Amino acid sequence: MSLQTLDRTQWSYAEALAHVQTVTVAQRAVEAAKLPPKPLPAYQTWNPPQDPTLAWKAEAETELLVALRDGDLLAQGRYTEERTHAWGNGGSSSGFGLHSGYHTSIRPEQWREGKCSFGRLTARDWEFIEIRIPRFLVKAIWPDYVPEIVSPAPGTGATPYTTPYLELMQAAIAHFRISPENQGKKECLMDWFLEQQIEGEPVSNKLADAMATLIRLPSAQRGGSKRVLGPDLRQTG
């Protein structure tokens, strides 16, 4: 890759984490949707079912930190060893201040020594803030997740393999005219999916959430949908 084409975009730690979580949740949701439904327990308890998305996001954060601690992913931050007040004094403050105005590399051993919280990497005697990570490195490990469509072998003349799930997502893209400039709101997409059926069965809330996630760009999950002028495309007819 030449210097002219090198992607020098830097993501904050929060942006990198959001991307890894989006990819992981999309993958796990599709995997979970393919599993047969679990039988209901013989008795019901008052505990409501837990949202699996929370566990998937925690899994994604662990994977990101492991990549940083192992040196597979590089990061920089503003460093300091200066304490301005006692540890933990002042709510969420770490006790450190007077951070450098320049970003320096964070070594794997520093990731292993410190604790990352609220975008800060803090150890007993030092701290990094405003952590940033090259976007292209994050995407090299966690590329944008797109469901794979299996193509037929050359010369077979068969139509490309698809599934009712992929066909329904393609129908949603056409219905809402989804594009890089017009991502649509996830809530509206979910409402539409919940009104559909797959092989005569209604679409579950979990599956609707997964498909609404997969047909939108990861950047739309972080910053909301991009608006375009025109009629309300959510109306049918």
Protein backbone atom coordinates (compact mmCIF):
# COMPACT_ATOMS: atom_id res chain seq x y z
CA MET A 1 0.00 0.00 0.00
CA SER A 2 1.48 3.33 -1.05
CA LEU A 3 1.67 6.41 1.12
CA GLN A 4 -0.92 8.08 -1.10
CA THR A 5 -3.53 5.37 -0.48
CA LEU A 6 -2.73 4.54 3.16
CA ASP A 7 -5.80 4.99 5.33
CA ARG A 8 -4.59 7.30 8.09
CA THR A 9 -8.00 7.73 9.72
CA GLN A 10 -7.78 7.43 13.50
CA TRP A 11 -10.64 6.09 15.57
CA SER A 12 -11.10 6.90 19.23
CA TYR A 13 -11.20 3.91 21.55
CA ALA A 14 -15.01 4.31 21.75
CA GLU A 15 -15.35 4.32 17.96
CA ALA A 16 -13.14 1.23 17.59
CA LEU A 17 -15.11 -0.56 20.31
CA ALA A 18 -18.42 0.38 18.66
CA HIS A 19 -17.24 -1.14 15.37
CA VAL A 20 -16.06 -4.38 16.99
CA GLN A 21 -19.34 -4.64 18.91
CA THR A 22 -21.41 -4.02 15.77
CA VAL A 23 -19.56 -6.77 13.87
CA THR A 24 -19.69 -9.22 16.78
CA VAL A 25 -23.38 -8.64 17.53
CA ALA A 26 -24.29 -9.05 13.85
CA GLN A 27 -22.37 -12.33 13.62
CA ARG A 28 -23.77 -13.73 16.87
CA ALA A 29 -27.33 -12.67 16.02
CA VAL A 30 -27.24 -14.48 12.68
CA GLU A 31 -25.75 -17.55 14.34
CA ALA A 32 -28.41 -17.48 17.07
CA ALA A 33 -31.23 -17.04 14.54
CA LYS A 34 -30.18 -20.29 12.84
CA LEU A 35 -30.43 -22.28 16.07
CA PRO A 36 -33.66 -24.19 16.82
CA PRO A 37 -35.84 -22.51 19.45
CA LYS A 38 -35.12 -23.55 23.01
CA PRO A 39 -37.90 -25.49 24.75
CA LEU A 40 -39.77 -23.59 27.42
CA PRO A 41 -38.86 -24.58 30.99
CA ALA A 42 -41.28 -26.75 32.93
CA TYR A 43 -41.98 -23.81 35.22
CA GLN A 44 -41.66 -20.07 34.82
CA THR A 45 -39.76 -17.80 37.19
CA TRP A 46 -40.13 -14.08 37.75
CA ASN A 47 -36.72 -13.40 36.20
CA PRO A 48 -37.12 -11.89 32.73
CA PRO A 49 -34.97 -13.33 29.90
CA GLN A 50 -31.62 -11.59 29.51
CA ASP A 51 -30.79 -9.67 26.36
CA PRO A 52 -27.98 -11.66 24.66
CA THR A 53 -26.75 -8.44 23.03
CA LEU A 54 -25.21 -7.36 26.33
CA ALA A 55 -23.09 -10.53 26.53
CA TRP A 56 -22.08 -10.20 22.87
CA LYS A 57 -20.94 -6.61 23.40
CA ALA A 58 -18.91 -7.64 26.47
CA GLU A 59 -17.34 -10.41 24.37
CA ALA A 60 -16.40 -7.83 21.73
CA GLU A 61 -14.74 -5.54 24.29
CA THR A 62 -12.71 -8.46 25.64
CA GLU A 63 -11.55 -9.35 22.12
CA LEU A 64 -10.49 -5.75 21.48
CA LEU A 65 -8.49 -5.58 24.71
CA VAL A 66 -6.82 -8.94 24.02
CA ALA A 67 -5.71 -7.68 20.59
CA LEU A 68 -4.21 -4.57 22.23
CA ARG A 69 -2.52 -6.54 25.02
CA ASP A 70 -1.05 -9.03 22.53
CA GLY A 71 0.28 -6.29 20.24
CA ASP A 72 -1.93 -7.34 17.30
CA LEU A 73 -3.50 -3.89 17.40
CA LEU A 74 -1.57 -0.63 17.86
CA ALA A 75 -2.79 2.44 19.72
CA GLN A 76 -1.59 5.84 20.86
CA GLY A 77 -2.57 8.15 23.69
CA ARG A 78 -1.60 11.25 25.64
CA TYR A 79 0.65 10.20 28.54
CA THR A 80 1.18 11.55 32.05
CA GLU A 81 2.77 10.56 35.34
CA GLU A 82 1.51 13.65 37.19
CA ARG A 83 -1.07 13.30 39.93
CA THR A 84 -3.24 16.34 40.55
CA HIS A 85 -5.28 14.85 43.41
CA ALA A 86 -5.81 11.62 45.27
CA TRP A 87 -6.86 8.45 43.44
CA GLY A 88 -10.58 8.25 42.93
CA ASN A 89 -11.25 11.73 44.29
CA GLY A 90 -13.77 13.67 42.23
CA GLY A 91 -16.10 10.95 40.93
CA SER A 92 -14.95 9.38 37.66
CA SER A 93 -11.59 11.20 37.69
CA SER A 94 -8.55 8.96 37.86
CA GLY A 95 -6.42 11.40 39.86
CA PHE A 96 -4.02 12.15 37.00
CA GLY A 97 -3.63 15.39 35.07
CA LEU A 98 -1.22 17.45 32.96
CA HIS A 99 -1.29 14.93 30.11
CA SER A 100 1.07 15.44 27.19
CA GLY A 101 -0.21 17.42 24.25
CA TYR A 102 1.25 14.81 21.90
CA HIS A 103 0.18 11.23 21.27
CA THR A 104 2.73 8.48 21.91
CA SER A 105 2.56 4.73 21.35
CA ILE A 106 1.02 2.50 24.01
CA ARG A 107 3.04 -0.70 24.46
CA PRO A 108 1.35 -4.12 24.93
CA GLU A 109 2.78 -4.41 28.45
CA GLN A 110 1.15 -1.11 29.36
CA TRP A 111 -2.21 -2.46 28.21
CA ARG A 112 -1.60 -5.50 30.41
CA GLU A 113 -0.60 -3.38 33.40
CA GLY A 114 -3.29 -0.71 33.21
CA LYS A 115 -7.06 -0.75 33.36
CA CYS A 116 -9.11 0.71 30.53
CA SER A 117 -12.22 2.65 31.55
CA PHE A 118 -14.11 5.53 29.89
CA GLY A 119 -11.45 5.76 27.16
CA ARG A 120 -8.59 6.04 29.68
CA LEU A 121 -5.82 3.53 30.31
CA THR A 122 -4.78 4.00 33.93
CA ALA A 123 -2.11 2.26 35.99
CA ARG A 124 -0.74 3.00 39.44
CA ASP A 125 1.93 5.47 38.27
CA TRP A 126 0.75 6.69 34.85
CA GLU A 127 -2.20 7.21 32.54
CA PHE A 128 -3.08 7.58 28.84
CA ILE A 129 -6.09 9.57 27.65
CA GLU A 130 -7.61 10.31 24.21
CA ILE A 131 -6.64 6.86 23.00
CA ARG A 132 -6.79 6.47 19.24
CA ILE A 133 -6.44 3.43 16.98
CA PRO A 134 -5.90 3.28 13.18
CA ARG A 135 -9.19 2.41 11.54
CA PHE A 136 -7.62 0.19 8.89
CA LEU A 137 -6.02 -2.00 11.58
CA VAL A 138 -9.32 -2.46 13.38
CA LYS A 139 -11.06 -3.37 10.13
CA ALA A 140 -8.24 -5.73 9.17
CA ILE A 141 -9.09 -7.83 12.24
CA TRP A 142 -12.84 -7.13 12.31
CA PRO A 143 -13.97 -6.41 8.73
CA ASP A 144 -17.48 -5.17 8.09
CA TYR A 145 -19.80 -8.15 8.41
CA VAL A 146 -21.80 -8.99 5.29
CA PRO A 147 -23.75 -12.27 5.04
CA GLU A 148 -22.10 -14.48 2.46
CA ILE A 149 -24.04 -15.53 -0.63
CA VAL A 150 -22.72 -18.81 -1.96
CA SER A 151 -22.28 -18.71 -5.74
CA PRO A 152 -22.65 -21.84 -7.89
CA ALA A 153 -19.61 -23.62 -9.24
CA PRO A 154 -18.44 -22.36 -12.66
CA GLY A 155 -20.26 -24.05 -15.53
CA THR A 156 -23.06 -25.53 -13.47
CA GLY A 157 -25.65 -23.06 -14.70
CA ALA A 158 -27.36 -23.08 -11.32
CA THR A 159 -28.76 -19.92 -9.78
CA PRO A 160 -26.81 -18.39 -6.86
CA TYR A 161 -27.69 -19.83 -3.47
CA THR A 162 -29.85 -17.66 -1.26
CA THR A 163 -32.14 -18.00 1.74
CA PRO A 164 -35.47 -16.47 2.77
CA TYR A 165 -33.54 -14.34 5.27
CA LEU A 166 -31.30 -12.84 2.57
CA GLU A 167 -34.26 -12.35 0.24
CA LEU A 168 -36.17 -10.50 2.94
CA MET A 169 -33.18 -8.23 3.65
CA GLN A 170 -32.84 -7.50 -0.07
CA ALA A 171 -36.56 -6.70 -0.18
CA ALA A 172 -36.11 -4.27 2.73
CA ILE A 173 -33.19 -2.57 0.97
CA ALA A 174 -35.34 -2.08 -2.12
CA HIS A 175 -38.43 -1.02 -0.17
CA PHE A 176 -36.63 1.63 1.90
CA ARG A 177 -34.14 2.45 -0.89
CA ILE A 178 -31.24 1.88 1.47
CA SER A 179 -27.97 3.36 0.19
CA PRO A 180 -24.74 4.76 1.70
CA GLU A 181 -26.43 8.17 1.76
CA ASN A 182 -29.82 6.97 3.03
CA GLN A 183 -29.48 4.42 5.82
CA GLY A 184 -32.94 4.72 7.32
CA LYS A 185 -33.79 4.42 11.00
CA LYS A 186 -33.25 1.05 12.60
CA GLU A 187 -36.52 1.29 14.53
CA CYS A 188 -38.50 1.76 11.30
CA LEU A 189 -36.67 -1.15 9.68
CA MET A 190 -37.39 -3.39 12.66
CA ASP A 191 -41.10 -2.48 12.58
CA TRP A 192 -41.20 -3.44 8.89
CA PHE A 193 -39.41 -6.75 9.46
CA LEU A 194 -41.78 -7.61 12.32
CA GLU A 195 -44.71 -7.27 9.91
CA GLN A 196 -43.19 -9.84 7.51
CA GLN A 197 -43.23 -13.63 7.49
CA ILE A 198 -40.63 -16.22 6.55
CA GLU A 199 -42.04 -19.53 5.34
CA GLY A 200 -45.36 -18.67 6.95
CA GLU A 201 -43.87 -17.82 10.36
CA PRO A 202 -43.72 -14.29 11.81
CA VAL A 203 -40.28 -12.72 12.14
CA SER A 204 -39.09 -12.75 15.75
CA ASN A 205 -37.92 -9.61 17.50
CA LYS A 206 -34.38 -11.00 17.72
CA LEU A 207 -34.24 -11.78 14.02
CA ALA A 208 -35.77 -8.41 13.09
CA ASP A 209 -33.10 -6.66 15.15
CA ALA A 210 -30.32 -8.68 13.48
CA MET A 211 -31.55 -8.03 9.93
CA ALA A 212 -32.11 -4.33 10.60
CA THR A 213 -28.50 -4.17 11.79
CA LEU A 214 -27.05 -6.07 8.84
CA ILE A 215 -28.57 -3.95 6.08
CA ARG A 216 -27.11 -0.73 7.52
CA LEU A 217 -23.49 0.43 7.54
CA PRO A 218 -21.54 0.19 10.84
CA SER A 219 -21.09 3.98 10.79
CA ALA A 220 -24.87 4.38 10.85
CA GLN A 221 -25.02 2.38 14.08
CA ARG A 222 -22.73 4.93 15.76
CA GLY A 223 -23.96 8.21 14.36
CA GLY A 224 -27.56 7.63 13.36
CA SER A 225 -29.06 7.51 9.91
CA LYS A 226 -28.24 9.98 7.16
CA ARG A 227 -31.24 11.97 5.99
CA VAL A 228 -32.12 12.74 2.40
CA LEU A 229 -34.84 14.96 0.98
CA GLY A 230 -37.85 13.29 -0.51
CA PRO A 231 -41.07 11.49 0.37
CA ASP A 232 -41.49 9.32 3.44
CA LEU A 233 -40.30 5.96 2.07
CA ARG A 234 -41.73 4.09 5.02
CA GLN A 235 -45.24 4.38 3.56
CA THR A 236 -46.39 1.47 1.44
CA GLY A 237 -48.57 1.61 -1.65
